[in-house]
N, C-alpha and C. Protein backbone atom coordinates (compact mmCIF):
# COMPACT_ATOMS: atom_id res chain seq x y z
N MET A 1 0.83 -1.18 0.00
CA MET A 1 0.00 0.00 0.00
C MET A 1 0.88 1.25 0.00
N ALA A 2 0.57 2.18 -0.86
CA ALA A 2 1.34 3.41 -0.96
C ALA A 2 1.00 4.34 0.20
N MET A 3 2.02 5.01 0.69
CA MET A 3 1.83 5.96 1.78
C MET A 3 1.48 7.33 1.21
N LYS A 4 0.58 8.04 1.86
CA LYS A 4 0.28 9.42 1.49
C LYS A 4 1.31 10.32 2.16
N PHE A 5 1.60 11.44 1.54
CA PHE A 5 2.63 12.30 2.13
C PHE A 5 2.18 12.85 3.48
N GLU A 6 0.89 12.98 3.72
CA GLU A 6 0.39 13.45 5.01
C GLU A 6 0.70 12.47 6.14
N GLU A 7 0.99 11.23 5.80
CA GLU A 7 1.29 10.21 6.80
C GLU A 7 2.77 10.18 7.21
N LEU A 8 3.61 10.93 6.52
CA LEU A 8 5.03 10.95 6.86
C LEU A 8 5.22 11.58 8.23
N ARG A 9 5.89 10.86 9.12
CA ARG A 9 6.11 11.39 10.47
C ARG A 9 6.96 12.65 10.46
N VAL A 10 7.93 12.71 9.57
CA VAL A 10 8.79 13.89 9.51
C VAL A 10 7.98 15.10 9.06
N LEU A 11 7.04 14.91 8.17
CA LEU A 11 6.18 16.01 7.73
C LEU A 11 5.25 16.43 8.87
N GLN A 12 4.71 15.47 9.59
CA GLN A 12 3.85 15.79 10.73
C GLN A 12 4.62 16.58 11.78
N ALA A 13 5.86 16.21 12.01
CA ALA A 13 6.70 16.93 12.98
C ALA A 13 6.97 18.35 12.49
N ALA A 14 7.26 18.50 11.20
CA ALA A 14 7.50 19.84 10.65
C ALA A 14 6.26 20.71 10.77
N GLU A 15 5.09 20.12 10.52
CA GLU A 15 3.84 20.87 10.65
C GLU A 15 3.60 21.28 12.10
N ALA A 16 3.90 20.41 13.03
CA ALA A 16 3.72 20.72 14.45
C ALA A 16 4.62 21.88 14.87
N VAL A 17 5.85 21.88 14.40
CA VAL A 17 6.78 22.97 14.70
C VAL A 17 6.25 24.28 14.11
N ALA A 18 5.85 24.24 12.84
CA ALA A 18 5.34 25.45 12.19
C ALA A 18 4.08 25.96 12.88
N ASP A 19 3.19 25.07 13.26
CA ASP A 19 1.97 25.48 13.97
C ASP A 19 2.30 26.15 15.30
N GLY A 20 3.25 25.59 16.03
CA GLY A 20 3.66 26.18 17.29
C GLY A 20 4.27 27.56 17.11
N ILE A 21 5.06 27.71 16.08
CA ILE A 21 5.67 29.01 15.79
C ILE A 21 4.60 30.03 15.45
N TRP A 22 3.66 29.65 14.61
CA TRP A 22 2.56 30.56 14.25
C TRP A 22 1.79 31.01 15.49
N ARG A 23 1.49 30.06 16.38
CA ARG A 23 0.74 30.40 17.59
C ARG A 23 1.48 31.43 18.43
N GLU A 24 2.80 31.34 18.49
CA GLU A 24 3.58 32.29 19.27
C GLU A 24 3.71 33.63 18.56
N VAL A 25 4.02 33.60 17.28
CA VAL A 25 4.30 34.83 16.54
C VAL A 25 3.09 35.76 16.51
N VAL A 26 1.89 35.23 16.39
CA VAL A 26 0.71 36.10 16.31
C VAL A 26 0.51 36.89 17.61
N ARG A 27 1.13 36.47 18.69
CA ARG A 27 1.00 37.16 19.97
C ARG A 27 2.02 38.28 20.15
N TRP A 28 3.02 38.35 19.28
CA TRP A 28 4.07 39.36 19.40
C TRP A 28 3.52 40.74 19.04
N ASP A 29 4.26 41.79 19.48
CA ASP A 29 3.88 43.14 19.06
C ASP A 29 4.13 43.28 17.55
N SER A 30 3.51 44.28 16.96
CA SER A 30 3.51 44.37 15.49
C SER A 30 4.91 44.48 14.89
N PHE A 31 5.81 45.24 15.51
CA PHE A 31 7.15 45.38 14.94
C PHE A 31 7.88 44.04 14.91
N ALA A 32 7.91 43.35 16.03
CA ALA A 32 8.60 42.05 16.09
C ALA A 32 7.94 41.04 15.16
N ARG A 33 6.63 41.07 15.08
CA ARG A 33 5.90 40.14 14.22
C ARG A 33 6.24 40.39 12.75
N GLU A 34 6.29 41.66 12.36
CA GLU A 34 6.56 41.99 10.96
C GLU A 34 8.02 41.76 10.58
N VAL A 35 8.94 42.08 11.47
CA VAL A 35 10.35 42.01 11.12
C VAL A 35 10.91 40.58 11.26
N VAL A 36 10.75 39.99 12.41
CA VAL A 36 11.31 38.66 12.66
C VAL A 36 10.26 37.57 12.48
N GLY A 37 9.07 37.82 12.99
CA GLY A 37 8.02 36.80 12.98
C GLY A 37 7.65 36.31 11.60
N GLY A 38 7.54 37.23 10.66
CA GLY A 38 7.20 36.83 9.30
C GLY A 38 8.25 35.93 8.68
N GLN A 39 9.51 36.29 8.87
CA GLN A 39 10.61 35.47 8.35
C GLN A 39 10.63 34.10 9.02
N LEU A 40 10.42 34.10 10.32
CA LEU A 40 10.42 32.85 11.08
C LEU A 40 9.30 31.93 10.62
N ALA A 41 8.11 32.47 10.48
CA ALA A 41 6.96 31.65 10.04
C ALA A 41 7.17 31.12 8.63
N LYS A 42 7.69 31.94 7.74
CA LYS A 42 7.94 31.49 6.36
C LYS A 42 8.99 30.38 6.32
N ALA A 43 10.04 30.55 7.09
CA ALA A 43 11.10 29.53 7.12
C ALA A 43 10.56 28.22 7.67
N ALA A 44 9.78 28.30 8.75
CA ALA A 44 9.22 27.09 9.35
C ALA A 44 8.25 26.39 8.40
N ASP A 45 7.41 27.16 7.73
CA ASP A 45 6.48 26.57 6.76
C ASP A 45 7.22 25.92 5.59
N SER A 46 8.36 26.49 5.24
CA SER A 46 9.13 25.99 4.10
C SER A 46 9.72 24.60 4.37
N ILE A 47 9.96 24.27 5.62
CA ILE A 47 10.48 22.93 5.94
C ILE A 47 9.51 21.87 5.44
N GLY A 48 8.28 21.95 5.90
CA GLY A 48 7.26 20.98 5.50
C GLY A 48 6.93 21.04 4.03
N ALA A 49 6.89 22.26 3.48
CA ALA A 49 6.57 22.40 2.06
C ALA A 49 7.60 21.68 1.19
N ASN A 50 8.87 21.79 1.55
CA ASN A 50 9.90 21.12 0.76
C ASN A 50 9.90 19.61 0.96
N ILE A 51 9.54 19.15 2.14
CA ILE A 51 9.40 17.71 2.35
C ILE A 51 8.26 17.18 1.48
N ALA A 52 7.14 17.89 1.46
CA ALA A 52 6.00 17.48 0.63
C ALA A 52 6.38 17.49 -0.85
N GLU A 53 7.11 18.52 -1.26
CA GLU A 53 7.53 18.60 -2.66
C GLU A 53 8.46 17.44 -3.02
N ALA A 54 9.37 17.10 -2.11
CA ALA A 54 10.28 15.97 -2.35
C ALA A 54 9.49 14.68 -2.53
N PHE A 55 8.45 14.50 -1.71
CA PHE A 55 7.63 13.30 -1.80
C PHE A 55 6.98 13.17 -3.18
N GLY A 56 6.63 14.29 -3.77
CA GLY A 56 5.95 14.28 -5.06
C GLY A 56 6.87 14.15 -6.26
N ARG A 57 8.14 14.22 -6.06
CA ARG A 57 9.08 14.12 -7.18
C ARG A 57 9.35 12.66 -7.52
N PHE A 58 9.59 12.40 -8.79
CA PHE A 58 9.77 11.04 -9.26
C PHE A 58 11.23 10.60 -9.17
N HIS A 59 12.13 11.44 -9.60
CA HIS A 59 13.54 11.07 -9.68
C HIS A 59 14.25 11.29 -8.34
N TYR A 60 15.11 10.36 -8.01
CA TYR A 60 15.83 10.39 -6.73
C TYR A 60 16.58 11.72 -6.55
N GLY A 61 17.25 12.18 -7.58
CA GLY A 61 18.02 13.42 -7.48
C GLY A 61 17.14 14.61 -7.14
N GLU A 62 15.95 14.66 -7.74
CA GLU A 62 15.02 15.74 -7.43
C GLU A 62 14.53 15.64 -5.99
N LYS A 63 14.21 14.42 -5.56
CA LYS A 63 13.77 14.22 -4.18
C LYS A 63 14.85 14.71 -3.22
N LEU A 64 16.06 14.32 -3.47
CA LEU A 64 17.18 14.69 -2.61
C LEU A 64 17.37 16.20 -2.57
N GLN A 65 17.25 16.86 -3.72
CA GLN A 65 17.43 18.31 -3.77
C GLN A 65 16.41 19.01 -2.88
N PHE A 66 15.14 18.59 -2.94
CA PHE A 66 14.12 19.23 -2.11
C PHE A 66 14.30 18.91 -0.63
N LEU A 67 14.86 17.75 -0.33
CA LEU A 67 15.16 17.44 1.07
C LEU A 67 16.31 18.32 1.57
N TYR A 68 17.26 18.63 0.69
CA TYR A 68 18.31 19.58 1.06
C TYR A 68 17.71 20.96 1.30
N TYR A 69 16.75 21.36 0.47
CA TYR A 69 16.07 22.65 0.69
C TYR A 69 15.38 22.65 2.05
N ALA A 70 14.72 21.53 2.39
CA ALA A 70 14.05 21.43 3.68
C ALA A 70 15.06 21.57 4.82
N ARG A 71 16.21 20.95 4.66
CA ARG A 71 17.26 21.06 5.68
C ARG A 71 17.73 22.50 5.80
N GLY A 72 17.89 23.17 4.68
CA GLY A 72 18.27 24.58 4.71
C GLY A 72 17.23 25.42 5.42
N SER A 73 15.96 25.14 5.17
CA SER A 73 14.88 25.86 5.84
C SER A 73 14.88 25.59 7.34
N LEU A 74 15.24 24.38 7.72
CA LEU A 74 15.35 24.06 9.14
C LEU A 74 16.41 24.93 9.80
N PHE A 75 17.56 25.07 9.16
CA PHE A 75 18.62 25.89 9.73
C PHE A 75 18.25 27.37 9.72
N GLU A 76 17.52 27.80 8.70
CA GLU A 76 17.04 29.18 8.68
C GLU A 76 16.06 29.41 9.84
N THR A 77 15.19 28.44 10.08
CA THR A 77 14.25 28.54 11.19
C THR A 77 15.00 28.64 12.51
N LYS A 78 16.05 27.84 12.68
CA LYS A 78 16.85 27.90 13.90
C LYS A 78 17.49 29.28 14.05
N TYR A 79 17.95 29.85 12.96
CA TYR A 79 18.53 31.19 13.00
C TYR A 79 17.51 32.21 13.51
N TRP A 80 16.31 32.18 12.93
CA TRP A 80 15.28 33.15 13.33
C TRP A 80 14.81 32.91 14.76
N LEU A 81 14.79 31.67 15.20
CA LEU A 81 14.46 31.40 16.60
C LEU A 81 15.51 32.00 17.53
N ASN A 82 16.77 31.91 17.14
CA ASN A 82 17.84 32.53 17.93
C ASN A 82 17.68 34.04 17.97
N ARG A 83 17.31 34.64 16.84
CA ARG A 83 17.09 36.09 16.80
C ARG A 83 15.91 36.48 17.67
N ALA A 84 14.87 35.67 17.65
CA ALA A 84 13.67 35.98 18.43
C ALA A 84 13.93 35.88 19.92
N GLN A 85 14.83 35.01 20.28
CA GLN A 85 15.14 34.81 21.70
C GLN A 85 15.81 36.03 22.25
């Protein structure tokens, strides 16, 4: 039986992280939300988006490239979390 991309545990974990970030960012004051929060939310959303995109690719090289993008987005998210702290 083929797995749906929504069933991937790594994607579910990425979505949980992004959801948690969104919940926090919306509570920030407008300046922090616009300057750091927007970048942080976009980076966090990009992790899961790239994992989903990798799942939909046919060729191994394409899958790997999108997983590298997801990894890059993870590190960008960590950067913005450090800035927010």
